[in-house]
C-alpha atoms as a PDB file:
ATOM      1  CA  MET A   1     194.554 132.883  27.475  1.00  0.00           C
ATOM      2  CA  THR A   2     196.925 130.429  25.909  1.00  0.00           C
ATOM      3  CA  ALA A   3     197.973 127.637  28.265  1.00  0.00           C
ATOM      4  CA  THR A   4     201.555 126.480  28.101  1.00  0.00           C
ATOM      5  CA  ASP A   5     202.371 122.778  28.230  1.00  0.00           C
ATOM      6  CA  GLY A   6     203.107 123.124  31.932  1.00  0.00           C
ATOM      7  CA  GLN A   7     199.979 125.134  32.707  1.00  0.00           C
ATOM      8  CA  ALA A   8     197.391 123.191  30.723  1.00  0.00           C
ATOM      9  CA  PRO A   9     196.893 120.231  33.079  1.00  0.00           C
ATOM     10  CA  ARG A  10     196.453 122.477  36.117  1.00  0.00           C
ATOM     11  CA  ARG A  11     194.055 124.772  34.260  1.00  0.00           C
ATOM     12  CA  ALA A  12     192.072 121.864  32.830  1.00  0.00           C
ATOM     13  CA  ARG A  13     191.638 120.274  36.246  1.00  0.00           C
ATOM     14  CA  ALA A  14     190.413 123.597  37.645  1.00  0.00           C
ATOM     15  CA  ILE A  15     187.866 123.917  34.839  1.00  0.00           C
ATOM     16  CA  ALA A  16     186.640 120.365  35.317  1.00  0.00           C
ATOM     17  CA  ASP A  17     186.011 121.021  39.014  1.00  0.00           C
ATOM     18  CA  ILE A  18     183.828 124.105  38.471  1.00  0.00           C
ATOM     19  CA  ALA A  19     180.032 123.961  38.532  1.00  0.00           C
ATOM     20  CA  VAL A  20     178.412 127.003  36.916  1.00  0.00           C
ATOM     21  CA  HIS A  21     175.108 128.143  38.403  1.00  0.00           C
ATOM     22  CA  SER A  22     173.071 130.401  36.140  1.00  0.00           C
ATOM     23  CA  ALA A  23     169.672 130.751  34.482  1.00  0.00           C
ATOM     24  CA  LEU A  24     168.202 130.284  31.033  1.00  0.00           C
ATOM     25  CA  ASN A  25     166.639 133.144  29.093  1.00  0.00           C
ATOM     26  CA  ASP A  26     163.248 132.390  30.673  1.00  0.00           C
ATOM     27  CA  GLY A  27     164.702 132.453  34.192  1.00  0.00           C
ATOM     28  CA  THR A  28     164.895 128.676  34.742  1.00  0.00           C
ATOM     29  CA  VAL A  29     167.701 128.010  37.228  1.00  0.00           C
ATOM     30  CA  ILE A  30     170.305 125.529  35.986  1.00  0.00           C
ATOM     31  CA  CYS A  31     173.730 124.127  36.789  1.00  0.00           C
ATOM     32  CA  LEU A  32     176.425 123.320  34.227  1.00  0.00           C
ATOM     33  CA  ARG A  33     179.187 120.857  35.073  1.00  0.00           C
ATOM     34  CA  THR A  34     181.439 118.323  33.446  1.00  0.00           C
ATOM     35  CA  ILE A  35     179.986 114.912  32.639  1.00  0.00           C
ATOM     36  CA  THR A  36     181.640 111.878  34.237  1.00  0.00           C
ATOM     37  CA  PRO A  37     181.230 108.121  33.730  1.00  0.00           C
ATOM     38  CA  ASP A  38     179.030 108.124  36.846  1.00  0.00           C
ATOM     39  CA  ASP A  39     176.390 110.109  34.941  1.00  0.00           C
ATOM     40  CA  GLU A  40     175.260 107.192  32.777  1.00  0.00           C
ATOM     41  CA  GLN A  41     171.738 107.016  34.232  1.00  0.00           C
ATOM     42  CA  LEU A  42     171.299 110.799  34.120  1.00  0.00           C
ATOM     43  CA  LEU A  43     172.292 110.720  30.463  1.00  0.00           C
ATOM     44  CA  ARG A  44     169.941 107.832  29.683  1.00  0.00           C
ATOM     45  CA  ASP A  45     167.066 109.645  31.361  1.00  0.00           C
ATOM     46  CA  GLY A  46     167.856 112.849  29.475  1.00  0.00           C
ATOM     47  CA  ILE A  47     167.915 111.105  26.106  1.00  0.00           C
ATOM     48  CA  ALA A  48     164.573 109.491  26.952  1.00  0.00           C
ATOM     49  CA  GLN A  49     163.128 113.013  27.331  1.00  0.00           C
ATOM     50  CA  LEU A  50     164.097 113.970  23.782  1.00  0.00           C
ATOM     51  CA  SER A  51     161.341 113.859  21.209  1.00  0.00           C
ATOM     52  CA  ALA A  52     161.714 111.435  18.309  1.00  0.00           C
ATOM     53  CA  GLU A  53     162.596 114.400  16.085  1.00  0.00           C
ATOM     54  CA  SER A  54     165.294 115.649  18.465  1.00  0.00           C
ATOM     55  CA  ARG A  55     166.779 112.158  18.786  1.00  0.00           C
ATOM     56  CA  TYR A  56     166.815 111.897  15.017  1.00  0.00           C
ATOM     57  CA  LEU A  57     168.567 115.251  14.618  1.00  0.00           C
ATOM     58  CA  ARG A  58     171.158 114.435  17.301  1.00  0.00           C
ATOM     59  CA  PHE A  59     171.788 110.722  16.716  1.00  0.00           C
ATOM     60  CA  PHE A  60     170.544 110.355  13.113  1.00  0.00           C
ATOM     61  CA  SER A  61     168.009 107.851  14.461  1.00  0.00           C
ATOM     62  CA  PRO A  62     164.578 108.300  16.142  1.00  0.00           C
ATOM     63  CA  VAL A  63     164.829 105.124  18.242  1.00  0.00           C
ATOM     64  CA  ALA A  64     163.545 105.613  21.793  1.00  0.00           C
ATOM     65  CA  VAL A  65     166.372 103.605  23.400  1.00  0.00           C
ATOM     66  CA  LEU A  66     169.913 103.956  22.116  1.00  0.00           C
ATOM     67  CA  PRO A  67     172.226 100.925  22.006  1.00  0.00           C
ATOM     68  CA  ASP A  68     174.329 100.449  25.127  1.00  0.00           C
ATOM     69  CA  ALA A  69     177.473 100.938  23.043  1.00  0.00           C
ATOM     70  CA  VAL A  70     176.372 104.481  22.146  1.00  0.00           C
ATOM     71  CA  ILE A  71     175.615 105.360  25.763  1.00  0.00           C
ATOM     72  CA  GLU A  72     178.948 103.927  26.870  1.00  0.00           C
ATOM     73  CA  ARG A  73     180.782 106.124  24.361  1.00  0.00           C
ATOM     74  CA  LEU A  74     178.918 109.201  25.576  1.00  0.00           C
ATOM     75  CA  VAL A  75     179.996 108.653  29.185  1.00  0.00           C
ATOM     76  CA  ASP A  76     183.530 107.495  28.345  1.00  0.00           C
ATOM     77  CA  VAL A  77     184.808 110.938  29.298  1.00  0.00           C
ATOM     78  CA  ASP A  78     188.390 111.629  30.378  1.00  0.00           C
ATOM     79  CA  GLY A  79     188.515 115.431  30.209  1.00  0.00           C
ATOM     80  CA  HIS A  80     191.263 115.412  27.578  1.00  0.00           C
ATOM     81  CA  ASP A  81     190.440 113.271  24.545  1.00  0.00           C
ATOM     82  CA  HIS A  82     186.735 113.319  25.353  1.00  0.00           C
ATOM     83  CA  ILE A  83     185.437 116.486  26.981  1.00  0.00           C
ATOM     84  CA  ALA A  84     181.755 116.793  27.878  1.00  0.00           C
ATOM     85  CA  TRP A  85     179.564 119.235  29.772  1.00  0.00           C
ATOM     86  CA  GLY A  86     175.991 118.730  30.883  1.00  0.00           C
ATOM     87  CA  ALA A  87     173.192 120.902  32.227  1.00  0.00           C
ATOM     88  CA  ILE A  88     170.874 120.089  35.118  1.00  0.00           C
ATOM     89  CA  CYS A  89     167.633 121.900  35.909  1.00  0.00           C
ATOM     90  CA  THR A  90     168.198 122.605  39.584  1.00  0.00           C
ATOM     91  CA  GLU A  91     164.691 123.951  40.154  1.00  0.00           C
ATOM     92  CA  CYS A  92     162.967 120.971  38.521  1.00  0.00           C
ATOM     93  CA  GLU A  93     161.747 117.989  40.514  1.00  0.00           C
ATOM     94  CA  GLY A  94     164.494 115.381  40.622  1.00  0.00           C
ATOM     95  CA  GLN A  95     166.996 117.823  39.072  1.00  0.00           C
ATOM     96  CA  PRO A  96     167.011 116.128  35.635  1.00  0.00           C
ATOM     97  CA  ALA A  97     169.656 116.424  32.947  1.00  0.00           C
ATOM     98  CA  ILE A  98     168.415 118.791  30.248  1.00  0.00           C
ATOM     99  CA  GLY A  99     171.335 119.035  27.819  1.00  0.00           C
ATOM    100  CA  ALA A 100     174.821 117.864  26.951  1.00  0.00           C
ATOM    101  CA  VAL A 101     177.666 118.880  24.682  1.00  0.00           C
ATOM    102  CA  HIS A 102     180.680 116.791  23.662  1.00  0.00           C
ATOM    103  CA  ALA A 103     184.052 117.208  21.977  1.00  0.00           C
ATOM    104  CA  VAL A 104     185.901 114.022  21.053  1.00  0.00           C
ATOM    105  CA  ARG A 105     189.499 114.223  19.844  1.00  0.00           C
ATOM    106  CA  TYR A 106     190.360 112.235  16.750  1.00  0.00           C
ATOM    107  CA  GLY A 107     192.387 109.077  17.263  1.00  0.00           C
ATOM    108  CA  ASP A 108     195.596 110.631  15.961  1.00  0.00           C
ATOM    109  CA  GLY A 109     195.901 112.583  19.208  1.00  0.00           C
ATOM    110  CA  GLY A 110     196.132 115.913  17.390  1.00  0.00           C
ATOM    111  CA  ARG A 111     194.377 119.208  17.962  1.00  0.00           C
ATOM    112  CA  ALA A 112     191.142 118.409  16.096  1.00  0.00           C
ATOM    113  CA  GLY A 113     188.004 116.556  17.083  1.00  0.00           C
ATOM    114  CA  GLU A 114     184.224 116.324  16.695  1.00  0.00           C
ATOM    115  CA  PHE A 115     181.542 118.462  18.330  1.00  0.00           C
ATOM    116  CA  SER A 116     177.966 117.528  19.206  1.00  0.00           C
ATOM    117  CA  VAL A 117     175.177 119.078  21.278  1.00  0.00           C
ATOM    118  CA  ALA A 118     171.684 118.144  22.407  1.00  0.00           C
ATOM    119  CA  VAL A 119     169.030 119.967  24.451  1.00  0.00           C
ATOM    120  CA  VAL A 120     165.831 118.429  25.823  1.00  0.00           C
ATOM    121  CA  ASP A 121     162.855 119.786  23.858  1.00  0.00           C
ATOM    122  CA  ALA A 122     161.208 121.603  26.771  1.00  0.00           C
ATOM    123  CA  PHE A 123     164.361 123.716  27.234  1.00  0.00           C
ATOM    124  CA  GLN A 124     165.195 124.487  23.618  1.00  0.00           C
ATOM    125  CA  GLY A 125     165.337 128.089  22.420  1.00  0.00           C
ATOM    126  CA  GLN A 126     166.413 129.433  25.829  1.00  0.00           C
ATOM    127  CA  GLY A 127     170.152 129.849  25.243  1.00  0.00           C
ATOM    128  CA  LEU A 128     171.252 126.562  26.799  1.00  0.00           C
ATOM    129  CA  ALA A 129     173.173 125.266  23.789  1.00  0.00           C
ATOM    130  CA  ARG A 130     175.281 128.433  23.707  1.00  0.00           C
ATOM    131  CA  MET A 131     175.967 128.255  27.443  1.00  0.00           C
ATOM    132  CA  MET A 132     177.098 124.629  27.281  1.00  0.00           C
ATOM    133  CA  THR A 133     179.152 125.341  24.166  1.00  0.00           C
ATOM    134  CA  ALA A 134     180.907 128.211  25.933  1.00  0.00           C
ATOM    135  CA  ALA A 135     181.934 125.861  28.753  1.00  0.00           C
ATOM    136  CA  LEU A 136     183.058 123.202  26.306  1.00  0.00           C
ATOM    137  CA  LEU A 137     185.166 125.567  24.197  1.00  0.00           C
ATOM    138  CA  VAL A 138     186.984 126.983  27.235  1.00  0.00           C
ATOM    139  CA  HIS A 139     187.772 123.431  28.331  1.00  0.00           C
ATOM    140  CA  CYS A 140     188.833 122.408  24.806  1.00  0.00           C
ATOM    141  CA  LEU A 141     191.248 125.298  24.516  1.00  0.00           C
ATOM    142  CA  ALA A 142     192.839 124.382  27.849  1.00  0.00           C
ATOM    143  CA  GLU A 143     193.275 120.794  26.626  1.00  0.00           C
ATOM    144  CA  GLY A 144     194.762 121.692  23.252  1.00  0.00           C
ATOM    145  CA  LEU A 145     191.706 121.041  21.070  1.00  0.00           C
ATOM    146  CA  SER A 146     191.723 123.943  18.656  1.00  0.00           C
ATOM    147  CA  VAL A 147     189.454 122.768  15.815  1.00  0.00           C
ATOM    148  CA  LEU A 148     186.114 120.953  16.001  1.00  0.00           C
ATOM    149  CA  ASP A 149     184.221 119.367  13.118  1.00  0.00           C
ATOM    150  CA  VAL A 150     180.436 119.367  13.251  1.00  0.00           C
ATOM    151  CA  HIS A 151     178.400 116.770  11.367  1.00  0.00           C
ATOM    152  CA  MET A 152     174.688 117.550  11.260  1.00  0.00           C
ATOM    153  CA  LEU A 153     171.653 116.627   9.237  1.00  0.00           C
ATOM    154  CA  SER A 154     171.108 119.300   6.604  1.00  0.00           C
ATOM    155  CA  GLU A 155     167.607 119.945   7.992  1.00  0.00           C
ATOM    156  CA  ASN A 156     168.919 120.785  11.475  1.00  0.00           C
ATOM    157  CA  ALA A 157     168.312 124.525  11.319  1.00  0.00           C
ATOM    158  CA  ALA A 158     169.001 125.165  15.012  1.00  0.00           C
ATOM    159  CA  ALA A 159     172.416 123.515  14.867  1.00  0.00           C
ATOM    160  CA  LYS A 160     173.285 125.471  11.742  1.00  0.00           C
ATOM    161  CA  ARG A 161     172.362 128.750  13.436  1.00  0.00           C
ATOM    162  CA  LEU A 162     174.485 127.870  16.445  1.00  0.00           C
ATOM    163  CA  VAL A 163     177.668 126.951  14.608  1.00  0.00           C
ATOM    164  CA  LYS A 164     177.358 129.784  12.090  1.00  0.00           C
ATOM    165  CA  SER A 165     176.995 132.276  14.950  1.00  0.00           C
ATOM    166  CA  LEU A 166     180.322 130.957  16.248  1.00  0.00           C
ATOM    167  CA  GLY A 167     182.050 131.528  12.918  1.00  0.00           C
ATOM    168  CA  ALA A 168     182.121 127.891  11.786  1.00  0.00           C
ATOM    169  CA  GLU A 169     182.844 127.372   8.094  1.00  0.00           C
ATOM    170  CA  TRP A 170     180.846 125.059   5.857  1.00  0.00           C
ATOM    171  CA  THR A 171     183.147 122.388   4.430  1.00  0.00           C
ATOM    172  CA  GLY A 172     180.767 120.208   2.440  1.00  0.00           C
ATOM    173  CA  GLU A 173     177.581 118.194   2.303  1.00  0.00           C
ATOM    174  CA  SER A 174     176.881 114.592   1.381  1.00  0.00           C
ATOM    175  CA  ALA A 175     173.876 112.259   1.689  1.00  0.00           C
ATOM    176  CA  GLY A 176     171.905 114.836   3.644  1.00  0.00           C
ATOM    177  CA  VAL A 177     174.695 115.536   6.156  1.00  0.00           C
ATOM    178  CA  ALA A 178     176.221 119.005   6.314  1.00  0.00           C
ATOM    179  CA  GLU A 179     179.805 119.448   7.521  1.00  0.00           C
ATOM    180  CA  TYR A 180     181.167 122.497   9.345  1.00  0.00           C
ATOM    181  CA  ARG A 181     184.532 123.262  10.914  1.00  0.00           C
ATOM    182  CA  LEU A 182     184.734 125.414  14.028  1.00  0.00           C
ATOM    183  CA  ASP A 183     187.851 127.230  15.192  1.00  0.00           C
ATOM    184  CA  VAL A 184     187.679 127.006  18.991  1.00  0.00           C
ATOM    185  CA  ALA A 185     189.380 130.339  19.702  1.00  0.00           C
ATOM    186  CA  ALA A 186     187.204 132.162  17.155  1.00  0.00           C
ATOM    187  CA  GLY A 187     184.084 130.564  18.594  1.00  0.00           C
ATOM    188  CA  LEU A 188     185.051 131.719  22.081  1.00  0.00           C
ATOM    189  CA  ALA A 189     185.659 135.236  20.808  1.00  0.00           C
ATOM    190  CA  ALA A 190     182.153 135.283  19.317  1.00  0.00           C
ATOM    191  CA  LEU A 191     180.676 134.123  22.614  1.00  0.00           C
ATOM    192  CA  ARG A 192     182.614 136.733  24.619  1.00  0.00           C
ATOM    193  CA  ALA A 193     181.182 139.389  22.319  1.00  0.00           C
ATOM    194  CA  ASP A 194     177.623 138.146  22.926  1.00  0.00           C
ATOM    195  CA  THR A 195     176.913 140.531  25.793  1.00  0.00           C
ATOM    196  CA  ASP A 196     173.154 140.143  25.291  1.00  0.00           C
ATOM    197  CA  ALA A 197     173.419 136.552  26.562  1.00  0.00           C
ATOM    198  CA  PRO A 198     173.846 136.797  30.368  1.00  0.00           C
ATOM    199  CA  GLY A 199     173.992 133.008  30.772  1.00  0.00           C
ATOM    200  CA  VAL A 200     176.919 132.768  28.367  1.00  0.00           C
ATOM    201  CA  GLN A 201     178.706 135.558  30.211  1.00  0.00           C
ATOM    202  CA  ASP A 202     178.102 133.762  33.536  1.00  0.00           C
ATOM    203  CA  VAL A 203     179.812 130.686  32.115  1.00  0.00           C
ATOM    204  CA  LEU A 204     182.780 132.625  30.785  1.00  0.00           C
ATOM    205  CA  ARG A 205     183.262 134.530  34.043  1.00  0.00           C
ATOM    206  CA  ALA A 206     183.194 131.310  36.027  1.00  0.00           C
ATOM    207  CA  LEU A 207     185.605 129.402  33.798  1.00  0.00           C
ATOM    208  CA  GLU A 208     187.937 132.109  32.545  1.00  0.00           C
ATOM    209  CA  GLY A 209     188.116 134.248  35.648  1.00  0.00           C
ATOM    210  CA  ASN A 210     187.534 137.873  34.709  1.00  0.00           C
ATOM    211  CA  SER A 211     185.570 138.158  31.495  1.00  0.00           C
ATOM    212  CA  GLY A 212     187.751 139.384  28.705  1.00  0.00           C
ATOM    213  CA  ALA A 213     190.586 136.909  29.135  1.00  0.00           C
ATOM    214  CA  SER A 214     192.266 136.542  25.772  1.00  0.00           C
ATOM    215  CA  ASN A 215     193.772 133.588  23.940  1.00  0.00           C
END
């Protein structure tokens, strides 16, 4: 649905308050919810579980410990200019963070921003990135973010598959970094059509009400 100026804040708050309980393709039980500044330690622990290769693909650096400034930016979430969703393995000991996805509005305050996603290695290939992206895109649309740029290393095949499956368009490549632009509404339409992904459909039902809500 398209939120009017008067409806958007109410809808966005409702989305931010929802925790989505579902399962990955292999049956692992998880919970998706919005990230808050209080999640700094969870996020640090999750990043520490990434392999050096995954850290390199996500942060363009394989360092085991990210600078505090980077962590602070990742948890500087306000639900409007910086929207972020995370996943927790609810059946794992300690209920660790296993993935996160972010959309950060550009400083001009317009309708465009940047998209990023990361999944802990042990949970990759099980549909989690698509589930988190579905939650993020619903939230972005409610907050007036309609276009997301994706900057990824050219060798990041998984990220390319994800954004291409959502209809993102390639906009260029330089110094080993590929650039894509994702239309949020089109990406959501692609996810709604993905009826073979029950986790994605769980997310959409929880955040959009009845599946099939249109924009």
